[in-house]
C-alpha atoms as a PDB file:
ATOM      1  CA  MET A   1      74.798  33.228  10.171  1.00  0.00           C
ATOM      2  CA  ALA A   2      73.109  30.246  11.830  1.00  0.00           C
ATOM      3  CA  ILE A   3      72.795  26.880  10.143  1.00  0.00           C
ATOM      4  CA  ASP A   4      69.036  26.756  10.802  1.00  0.00           C
ATOM      5  CA  GLN A   5      68.606  29.774   8.517  1.00  0.00           C
ATOM      6  CA  PHE A   6      69.515  27.546   5.597  1.00  0.00           C
ATOM      7  CA  GLN A   7      67.366  24.532   6.441  1.00  0.00           C
ATOM      8  CA  ASP A   8      64.168  26.020   5.011  1.00  0.00           C
ATOM      9  CA  SER A   9      65.739  27.034   1.721  1.00  0.00           C
ATOM     10  CA  GLU A  10      65.353  24.621  -1.170  1.00  0.00           C
ATOM     11  CA  THR A  11      67.740  26.563  -3.399  1.00  0.00           C
ATOM     12  CA  VAL A  12      70.842  26.358  -1.211  1.00  0.00           C
ATOM     13  CA  GLU A  13      73.333  23.705  -2.270  1.00  0.00           C
ATOM     14  CA  GLN A  14      75.253  21.973   0.506  1.00  0.00           C
ATOM     15  CA  ALA A  15      78.480  19.984   0.466  1.00  0.00           C
ATOM     16  CA  LEU A  16      81.073  18.925   3.047  1.00  0.00           C
ATOM     17  CA  PHE A  17      84.499  20.522   3.122  1.00  0.00           C
ATOM     18  CA  MET A  18      87.673  19.982   5.132  1.00  0.00           C
ATOM     19  CA  PRO A  19      88.606  23.515   6.273  1.00  0.00           C
ATOM     20  CA  TYR A  20      92.070  25.003   6.588  1.00  0.00           C
ATOM     21  CA  LEU A  21      93.271  25.257  10.185  1.00  0.00           C
ATOM     22  CA  PRO A  22      95.157  28.022  11.995  1.00  0.00           C
ATOM     23  CA  GLU A  23      98.769  27.321  12.942  1.00  0.00           C
ATOM     24  CA  ASP A  24      98.037  26.841  16.668  1.00  0.00           C
ATOM     25  CA  ALA A  25      95.512  24.118  15.803  1.00  0.00           C
ATOM     26  CA  LYS A  26      98.098  22.352  13.669  1.00  0.00           C
ATOM     27  CA  GLU A  27     100.655  22.596  16.475  1.00  0.00           C
ATOM     28  CA  GLN A  28      98.249  21.160  19.047  1.00  0.00           C
ATOM     29  CA  MET A  29      97.394  18.335  16.650  1.00  0.00           C
ATOM     30  CA  ARG A  30     101.092  17.515  16.091  1.00  0.00           C
ATOM     31  CA  ASN A  31     101.738  17.507  19.861  1.00  0.00           C
ATOM     32  CA  TRP A  32      98.756  15.212  20.502  1.00  0.00           C
ATOM     33  CA  MET A  33      99.773  12.803  17.731  1.00  0.00           C
ATOM     34  CA  ALA A  34     103.375  12.764  19.021  1.00  0.00           C
ATOM     35  CA  LYS A  35     101.949  11.071  22.145  1.00  0.00           C
ATOM     36  CA  GLY A  36     100.537   8.333  19.913  1.00  0.00           C
ATOM     37  CA  LEU A  37      96.985   9.651  20.244  1.00  0.00           C
ATOM     38  CA  THR A  38      94.440  10.376  17.531  1.00  0.00           C
ATOM     39  CA  VAL A  39      92.946  13.664  16.362  1.00  0.00           C
ATOM     40  CA  PHE A  40      90.108  14.328  13.958  1.00  0.00           C
ATOM     41  CA  GLN A  41      89.457  17.518  12.087  1.00  0.00           C
ATOM     42  CA  SER A  42      85.743  18.179  11.668  1.00  0.00           C
ATOM     43  CA  VAL A  43      84.292  18.670   8.228  1.00  0.00           C
ATOM     44  CA  VAL A  44      82.206  21.782   7.677  1.00  0.00           C
ATOM     45  CA  PRO A  45      78.918  21.985   5.805  1.00  0.00           C
ATOM     46  CA  GLN A  46      79.353  24.332   2.877  1.00  0.00           C
ATOM     47  CA  PHE A  47      76.477  26.364   1.548  1.00  0.00           C
ATOM     48  CA  SER A  48      76.602  28.014  -1.846  1.00  0.00           C
ATOM     49  CA  ASN A  49      75.690  31.374  -0.341  1.00  0.00           C
ATOM     50  CA  ALA A  50      78.283  31.282   2.484  1.00  0.00           C
ATOM     51  CA  VAL A  51      80.621  34.283   2.538  1.00  0.00           C
ATOM     52  CA  CYS A  52      83.520  32.334   4.067  1.00  0.00           C
ATOM     53  CA  LYS A  53      84.182  29.190   2.073  1.00  0.00           C
ATOM     54  CA  ASN A  54      86.566  27.872   4.768  1.00  0.00           C
ATOM     55  CA  CYS A  55      84.176  27.720   7.746  1.00  0.00           C
ATOM     56  CA  GLY A  56      80.786  28.055   6.046  1.00  0.00           C
ATOM     57  CA  ASP A  57      80.166  31.255   8.041  1.00  0.00           C
ATOM     58  CA  LEU A  58      80.440  29.417  11.382  1.00  0.00           C
ATOM     59  CA  ASP A  59      83.511  31.576  12.295  1.00  0.00           C
ATOM     60  CA  VAL A  60      85.229  28.536  13.858  1.00  0.00           C
ATOM     61  CA  VAL A  61      86.765  25.209  12.841  1.00  0.00           C
ATOM     62  CA  TYR A  62      86.839  22.188  15.169  1.00  0.00           C
ATOM     63  CA  VAL A  63      89.416  19.576  16.115  1.00  0.00           C
ATOM     64  CA  THR A  64      88.554  16.529  18.238  1.00  0.00           C
ATOM     65  CA  PHE A  65      91.301  15.023  20.393  1.00  0.00           C
ATOM     66  CA  CYS A  66      90.821  11.331  21.253  1.00  0.00           C
ATOM     67  CA  LYS A  67      92.290   9.469  24.211  1.00  0.00           C
ATOM     68  CA  ALA A  68      91.674   5.897  23.032  1.00  0.00           C
ATOM     69  CA  GLY A  69      90.747   3.908  19.954  1.00  0.00           C
ATOM     70  CA  PRO A  70      90.046   2.343  17.679  1.00  0.00           C
ATOM     71  CA  ILE A  71      87.924  -0.200  19.521  1.00  0.00           C
ATOM     72  CA  GLN A  72      85.296  -2.483  18.017  1.00  0.00           C
ATOM     73  CA  THR A  73      82.694  -2.140  20.777  1.00  0.00           C
ATOM     74  CA  PRO A  74      82.182   1.059  22.786  1.00  0.00           C
ATOM     75  CA  ARG A  75      82.851   0.286  26.435  1.00  0.00           C
ATOM     76  CA  TYR A  76      83.665   3.649  27.979  1.00  0.00           C
ATOM     77  CA  SER A  77      80.593   4.562  29.990  1.00  0.00           C
ATOM     78  CA  GLY A  78      80.206   8.299  30.472  1.00  0.00           C
ATOM     79  CA  SER A  79      82.676   9.266  27.744  1.00  0.00           C
ATOM     80  CA  ALA A  80      81.854  10.730  24.374  1.00  0.00           C
ATOM     81  CA  ILE A  81      82.767   8.488  21.471  1.00  0.00           C
ATOM     82  CA  CYS A  82      82.949   8.892  17.711  1.00  0.00           C
ATOM     83  CA  TRP A  83      83.034   6.403  14.836  1.00  0.00           C
ATOM     84  CA  PHE A  84      85.607   6.515  12.070  1.00  0.00           C
ATOM     85  CA  ASP A  85      85.503   4.295   8.976  1.00  0.00           C
ATOM     86  CA  GLY A  86      89.272   4.099   8.801  1.00  0.00           C
ATOM     87  CA  GLY A  87      91.879   5.818   6.713  1.00  0.00           C
ATOM     88  CA  PRO A  88      95.610   6.070   6.061  1.00  0.00           C
ATOM     89  CA  ARG A  89      96.439   7.138   9.634  1.00  0.00           C
ATOM     90  CA  GLN A  90      93.577   5.861  11.797  1.00  0.00           C
ATOM     91  CA  GLY A  91      91.993   2.453  11.944  1.00  0.00           C
ATOM     92  CA  LYS A  92      88.305   1.673  11.619  1.00  0.00           C
ATOM     93  CA  GLY A  93      86.342   1.708  14.866  1.00  0.00           C
ATOM     94  CA  TRP A  94      85.135   3.725  17.832  1.00  0.00           C
ATOM     95  CA  TYR A  95      87.315   6.428  19.405  1.00  0.00           C
ATOM     96  CA  VAL A  96      86.973   7.825  22.923  1.00  0.00           C
ATOM     97  CA  VAL A  97      86.934  11.638  22.857  1.00  0.00           C
ATOM     98  CA  ASP A  98      89.076  13.559  25.339  1.00  0.00           C
ATOM     99  CA  HIS A  99      87.996  17.038  24.191  1.00  0.00           C
ATOM    100  CA  THR A 100      87.016  19.104  21.177  1.00  0.00           C
ATOM    101  CA  THR A 101      88.543  22.523  20.606  1.00  0.00           C
ATOM    102  CA  ALA A 102      87.067  25.315  18.489  1.00  0.00           C
ATOM    103  CA  PHE A 103      89.574  27.542  16.721  1.00  0.00           C
ATOM    104  CA  LYS A 104      88.696  30.782  15.030  1.00  0.00           C
ATOM    105  CA  CYS A 105      88.607  30.420  11.281  1.00  0.00           C
ATOM    106  CA  PRO A 106      91.987  31.514   9.899  1.00  0.00           C
ATOM    107  CA  HIS A 107      90.299  32.955   6.833  1.00  0.00           C
ATOM    108  CA  CYS A 108      87.526  35.165   8.226  1.00  0.00           C
ATOM    109  CA  SER A 109      88.259  35.496  11.966  1.00  0.00           C
ATOM    110  CA  GLY A 110      91.953  34.903  12.547  1.00  0.00           C
ATOM    111  CA  GLY A 111      93.546  33.988  15.833  1.00  0.00           C
ATOM    112  CA  ARG A 112      92.057  31.627  18.365  1.00  0.00           C
ATOM    113  CA  VAL A 113      88.769  31.546  20.226  1.00  0.00           C
ATOM    114  CA  GLU A 114      89.373  33.277  23.560  1.00  0.00           C
ATOM    115  CA  VAL A 115      86.431  32.086  25.673  1.00  0.00           C
ATOM    116  CA  ASP A 116      84.880  28.621  26.040  1.00  0.00           C
ATOM    117  CA  ASP A 117      87.091  27.202  23.312  1.00  0.00           C
ATOM    118  CA  GLN A 118      87.495  23.734  24.797  1.00  0.00           C
ATOM    119  CA  ILE A 119      84.667  21.268  25.284  1.00  0.00           C
ATOM    120  CA  PRO A 120      85.863  18.539  27.684  1.00  0.00           C
ATOM    121  CA  PHE A 121      84.254  15.104  27.611  1.00  0.00           C
END
């Protein structure tokens, strides 16, 4: 079900949710962090009428792997960046994205996306 199907509905409630990840996503995250690099798990918009409460019927969950950060001023021309307000593990600032990987939702799809699962930046 596409997100744009919900945008016209006034009765659909939306919230953000941190989805559960499949084991291979967790392993890749641990390996990336062992190198001293940062990863971010993407939050998923949740709609009250979504069948899968883990992925919001998107069938995938996303993890972003960063190659640098935090920095106060973005200076990496040609690279994707993302802002993070800071937390227990990552500092506040801009992060330079290496790639984002889509993993099949462990609740409704299982396994891992087979084709076009990595978006390099």
